[in-house]
Amino acid sequence: MTSVINKPYQTINWRPDCPYVILLSVSICSPGVINMLKSRLQFIIRITAFIIALGGTFSRIFLSLNGDMGSNVFLYFTVQSNLIVCLYLGIEVLGRSKPMKPAVQGGVLMYITITGLVYNILLAPGWHPEGIDLLITTINHTITPLLFLLDWILSQEYGTYRKKHLLYWLIYPLCYALFASIEGALTGDFRYFFMDFINQSTREYLLLMLMVILVFLFIGFVILKFNNLNLRRKEAENGIAD
């Protein structure tokens, strides 16, 4: 096929074996170009996630402070986990003086994933927000978790998670569960039904709390295995290439 250039009487014959086409294909497929495109995509996703998470979180806080909930909004795991996401992404987007340990990202992912799963599986069937509340709820419980998961897939450092990190990640949710249970016992207002040990039997309470802990462990284990699984796959590919 012949393509005419904007100069009189000058043409270039584009053929499959044309060296210009081959050179362009090689340049586009080179590791350097691929890494550059991946970095740009990662930055776009990260800054998008940061803006959406920040807007959704502070919209929730603003509406709650001006509504019936008041400052109690800060006691909900949803708000706390979204604030943790905003803090992590803000540090990454705006820059940091010292490198953050890779396992920190895994912990943040576990918290926001639990937020999404618990709401969409356990709480959403009995909760029907409307209007702006529906939008903010969707951002807090669905969009932010998915965007952070995508950011983690693109930016995680493979092979950096260890089994001990799974125990570190559990410290915050266990402390939260203890605090929320004590606070509920004192006020009679439990943030989540599975933490209410007053209006249910001890057996039901312990069973529900055990299930929640097991869900945290399962999500953390999946994150841990995925991080190390991809490292082994890359090492195998490099071994074959060598």
Protein backbone atom coordinates (compact mmCIF):
# COMPACT_ATOMS: atom_id res chain seq x y z
CA MET A 1 0.00 0.00 0.00
CA THR A 2 1.33 3.44 -0.89
CA SER A 3 1.00 6.43 1.42
CA VAL A 4 1.52 9.94 0.03
CA ILE A 5 3.48 12.44 2.15
CA ASN A 6 2.64 16.15 2.13
CA LYS A 7 5.47 16.89 -0.29
CA PRO A 8 5.13 16.97 -4.10
CA TYR A 9 5.96 13.71 -5.90
CA GLN A 10 7.25 11.99 -2.72
CA THR A 11 5.90 8.64 -1.63
CA ILE A 12 6.89 5.96 0.84
CA ASN A 13 5.99 2.33 0.24
CA TRP A 14 4.83 0.81 3.54
CA ARG A 15 5.43 -2.93 3.39
CA PRO A 16 5.42 -5.53 6.17
CA ASP A 17 9.16 -5.94 5.73
CA CYS A 18 9.81 -2.20 5.71
CA PRO A 19 12.70 -1.46 8.15
CA TYR A 20 10.88 1.61 9.47
CA VAL A 21 7.89 -0.49 10.51
CA ILE A 22 10.13 -3.12 12.07
CA LEU A 23 12.12 -0.48 13.95
CA LEU A 24 8.93 1.15 15.23
CA SER A 25 7.53 -2.21 16.38
CA VAL A 26 10.74 -3.10 18.19
CA SER A 27 10.84 0.32 19.86
CA ILE A 28 7.26 0.07 21.08
CA CYS A 29 7.75 -3.47 22.41
CA SER A 30 11.09 -2.78 24.09
CA PRO A 31 11.22 -3.30 27.89
CA GLY A 32 12.10 0.36 28.44
CA VAL A 33 9.00 1.61 26.63
CA ILE A 34 6.77 -0.98 28.31
CA ASN A 35 8.08 0.00 31.74
CA MET A 36 7.55 3.68 30.95
CA LEU A 37 3.95 3.05 29.87
CA LYS A 38 3.36 0.90 32.95
CA SER A 39 4.75 3.64 35.22
CA ARG A 40 2.52 6.26 33.63
CA LEU A 41 -0.54 4.02 33.90
CA GLN A 42 0.33 3.28 37.52
CA PHE A 43 0.65 6.99 38.33
CA ILE A 44 -2.67 7.80 36.63
CA ILE A 45 -4.46 5.05 38.55
CA ARG A 46 -2.79 6.02 41.83
CA ILE A 47 -3.62 9.71 41.62
CA THR A 48 -7.17 8.86 40.48
CA ALA A 49 -7.57 6.51 43.44
CA PHE A 50 -6.21 9.17 45.78
CA ILE A 51 -8.58 11.88 44.55
CA ILE A 52 -11.65 9.62 44.61
CA ALA A 53 -10.80 8.12 48.02
CA LEU A 54 -10.11 11.55 49.49
CA GLY A 55 -13.31 13.03 48.09
CA GLY A 56 -15.43 10.08 49.19
CA THR A 57 -13.96 9.90 52.69
CA PHE A 58 -14.22 13.57 53.52
CA SER A 59 -17.69 13.78 51.98
CA ARG A 60 -18.75 11.01 54.35
CA ILE A 61 -17.14 12.79 57.30
CA PHE A 62 -18.71 16.15 56.34
CA LEU A 63 -22.21 14.70 56.00
CA SER A 64 -21.87 12.79 59.26
CA LEU A 65 -20.55 15.76 61.25
CA ASN A 66 -23.52 17.79 60.06
CA GLY A 67 -25.98 14.95 60.68
CA ASP A 68 -27.08 12.72 63.51
CA MET A 69 -23.87 10.69 63.67
CA GLY A 70 -21.56 13.59 64.54
CA SER A 71 -17.99 12.80 65.51
CA ASN A 72 -18.89 9.13 66.00
CA VAL A 73 -18.21 8.72 62.28
CA PHE A 74 -14.51 8.41 63.09
CA LEU A 75 -15.20 5.26 65.12
CA TYR A 76 -16.33 3.24 62.09
CA PHE A 77 -13.89 0.83 60.47
CA THR A 78 -15.06 2.01 57.04
CA VAL A 79 -13.97 5.59 57.69
CA GLN A 80 -10.73 4.56 59.38
CA SER A 81 -9.72 2.19 56.58
CA ASN A 82 -10.55 4.81 53.94
CA LEU A 83 -8.49 7.38 55.86
CA ILE A 84 -5.59 4.90 55.92
CA VAL A 85 -5.89 4.53 52.14
CA CYS A 86 -5.91 8.32 51.71
CA LEU A 87 -2.85 8.67 53.94
CA TYR A 88 -0.92 5.95 52.12
CA LEU A 89 -1.77 7.18 48.62
CA GLY A 90 -1.17 10.80 49.63
CA ILE A 91 2.34 9.96 50.83
CA GLU A 92 3.03 8.02 47.62
CA VAL A 93 1.65 10.69 45.29
CA LEU A 94 3.17 13.71 47.04
CA GLY A 95 6.49 11.99 47.65
CA ARG A 96 8.28 10.82 50.76
CA SER A 97 11.74 11.37 52.24
CA LYS A 98 12.22 7.70 53.19
CA PRO A 99 11.01 4.61 51.35
CA MET A 100 7.95 2.98 52.88
CA LYS A 101 8.24 -0.72 53.66
CA PRO A 102 6.50 -2.74 50.90
CA ALA A 103 4.48 -4.79 53.40
CA VAL A 104 2.67 -1.63 54.53
CA GLN A 105 0.83 -1.58 51.22
CA GLY A 106 -0.29 -5.17 51.78
CA GLY A 107 -1.76 -4.28 55.16
CA VAL A 108 -3.65 -1.31 53.74
CA LEU A 109 -5.00 -3.54 50.98
CA MET A 110 -6.24 -6.07 53.54
CA TYR A 111 -8.11 -3.39 55.53
CA ILE A 112 -9.85 -1.76 52.57
CA THR A 113 -10.66 -5.16 51.03
CA ILE A 114 -12.36 -6.24 54.26
CA THR A 115 -14.31 -2.97 54.24
CA GLY A 116 -15.60 -3.74 50.77
CA LEU A 117 -16.39 -7.40 51.42
CA VAL A 118 -18.11 -6.95 54.79
CA TYR A 119 -20.33 -4.16 53.49
CA ASN A 120 -21.29 -5.73 50.17
CA ILE A 121 -21.85 -9.23 51.60
CA LEU A 122 -23.18 -8.63 55.13
CA LEU A 123 -24.41 -5.06 55.47
CA ALA A 124 -25.64 -3.95 52.03
CA PRO A 125 -28.68 -6.30 51.92
CA GLY A 126 -30.20 -4.45 54.88
CA TRP A 127 -29.02 -0.96 53.99
CA HIS A 128 -30.58 1.06 51.15
CA PRO A 129 -29.00 4.54 50.84
CA GLU A 130 -30.29 7.01 48.27
CA GLY A 131 -29.01 10.05 46.40
CA ILE A 132 -25.67 11.49 47.48
CA ASP A 133 -25.49 9.00 50.34
CA LEU A 134 -25.64 6.14 47.83
CA LEU A 135 -22.82 7.68 45.78
CA ILE A 136 -20.56 8.21 48.80
CA THR A 137 -21.34 4.74 50.15
CA THR A 138 -20.42 3.20 46.78
CA ILE A 139 -17.14 5.13 46.71
CA ASN A 140 -16.22 4.15 50.28
CA HIS A 141 -17.10 0.47 50.00
CA THR A 142 -16.64 -0.48 46.34
CA ILE A 143 -14.80 2.00 44.13
CA THR A 144 -11.96 2.82 46.53
CA PRO A 145 -11.25 -0.87 47.36
CA LEU A 146 -11.18 -1.78 43.65
CA LEU A 147 -8.93 1.14 42.70
CA PHE A 148 -6.51 0.38 45.53
CA LEU A 149 -6.45 -3.29 44.50
CA LEU A 150 -5.57 -2.24 40.95
CA ASP A 151 -2.86 0.10 42.23
CA TRP A 152 -1.43 -2.73 44.34
CA ILE A 153 -1.35 -5.13 41.38
CA LEU A 154 0.63 -2.63 39.31
CA SER A 155 2.98 -1.31 41.99
CA GLN A 156 3.66 -4.08 44.53
CA GLU A 157 7.22 -5.28 45.01
CA TYR A 158 7.08 -9.02 44.43
CA GLY A 159 8.56 -11.38 46.99
CA THR A 160 8.72 -8.84 49.82
CA TYR A 161 5.96 -10.22 52.06
CA ARG A 162 6.67 -12.74 54.81
CA LYS A 163 4.40 -14.78 57.08
CA LYS A 164 5.23 -12.51 60.00
CA HIS A 165 3.68 -9.60 58.11
CA LEU A 166 0.32 -11.36 58.28
CA LEU A 167 0.50 -11.13 62.08
CA TYR A 168 1.53 -7.46 61.91
CA TRP A 169 -1.45 -6.71 59.67
CA LEU A 170 -3.81 -8.23 62.25
CA ILE A 171 -2.73 -5.89 65.06
CA TYR A 172 -4.90 -2.98 63.95
CA PRO A 173 -8.17 -4.91 63.33
CA LEU A 174 -7.79 -6.84 66.61
CA CYS A 175 -7.23 -3.59 68.53
CA TYR A 176 -10.21 -2.08 66.73
CA ALA A 177 -12.43 -5.04 67.65
CA LEU A 178 -11.38 -4.81 71.30
CA PHE A 179 -11.94 -1.05 71.47
CA ALA A 180 -15.28 -1.22 69.63
CA SER A 181 -16.53 -3.98 71.93
CA ILE A 182 -15.59 -2.03 75.06
CA GLU A 183 -17.06 1.17 73.65
CA GLY A 184 -20.27 -0.66 72.76
CA ALA A 185 -20.54 -2.14 76.25
CA LEU A 186 -20.22 1.32 77.80
CA THR A 187 -22.60 3.13 75.46
CA GLY A 188 -24.92 0.32 74.40
CA ASP A 189 -24.29 1.29 70.77
CA PHE A 190 -22.28 -1.25 68.80
CA ARG A 191 -20.82 -0.19 65.46
CA TYR A 192 -21.36 -3.58 63.87
CA PHE A 193 -23.85 -6.30 64.82
CA PHE A 194 -21.20 -9.01 65.07
CA MET A 195 -19.51 -7.06 67.88
CA ASP A 196 -22.66 -6.93 70.00
CA PHE A 197 -21.99 -9.42 72.80
CA ILE A 198 -24.82 -8.04 74.97
CA ASN A 199 -27.81 -8.78 72.75
CA GLN A 200 -26.57 -12.16 71.59
CA SER A 201 -25.26 -15.24 73.33
CA THR A 202 -21.59 -15.64 74.14
CA ARG A 203 -21.42 -18.52 71.70
CA GLU A 204 -22.89 -16.47 68.85
CA TYR A 205 -20.59 -13.54 69.63
CA LEU A 206 -17.44 -15.68 69.72
CA LEU A 207 -18.47 -17.53 66.57
CA LEU A 208 -19.07 -14.31 64.64
CA MET A 209 -15.82 -12.75 65.86
CA LEU A 210 -13.93 -15.93 64.94
CA MET A 211 -15.43 -15.80 61.46
CA VAL A 212 -14.37 -12.16 61.07
CA ILE A 213 -10.81 -12.97 62.20
CA LEU A 214 -10.67 -15.93 59.80
CA VAL A 215 -11.80 -13.68 56.95
CA PHE A 216 -8.99 -11.24 57.79
CA LEU A 217 -6.52 -14.13 57.86
CA PHE A 218 -7.79 -15.51 54.58
CA ILE A 219 -7.57 -12.17 52.77
CA GLY A 220 -4.11 -11.56 54.20
CA PHE A 221 -2.99 -15.06 53.18
CA VAL A 222 -4.21 -14.51 49.61
CA ILE A 223 -2.31 -11.21 49.44
CA LEU A 224 0.81 -12.90 50.82
CA LYS A 225 0.64 -15.83 48.38
CA PHE A 226 -0.05 -13.63 45.37
CA ASN A 227 2.96 -11.46 46.20
CA ASN A 228 5.28 -14.48 46.37
CA LEU A 229 3.62 -16.49 43.60
CA ASN A 230 4.38 -13.82 41.02
CA LEU A 231 7.99 -13.64 42.20
CA ARG A 232 8.48 -17.37 41.60
CA ARG A 233 6.85 -17.06 38.20
CA LYS A 234 9.20 -14.24 37.23
CA GLU A 235 12.21 -16.18 38.48
CA ALA A 236 11.11 -19.20 36.42
CA GLU A 237 10.72 -17.06 33.31
CA ASN A 238 14.15 -15.51 33.83
CA GLY A 239 15.63 -18.98 34.29
CA ILE A 240 14.16 -20.13 30.99
CA ALA A 241 15.36 -16.98 29.27
CA ASP A 242 18.88 -17.51 30.59
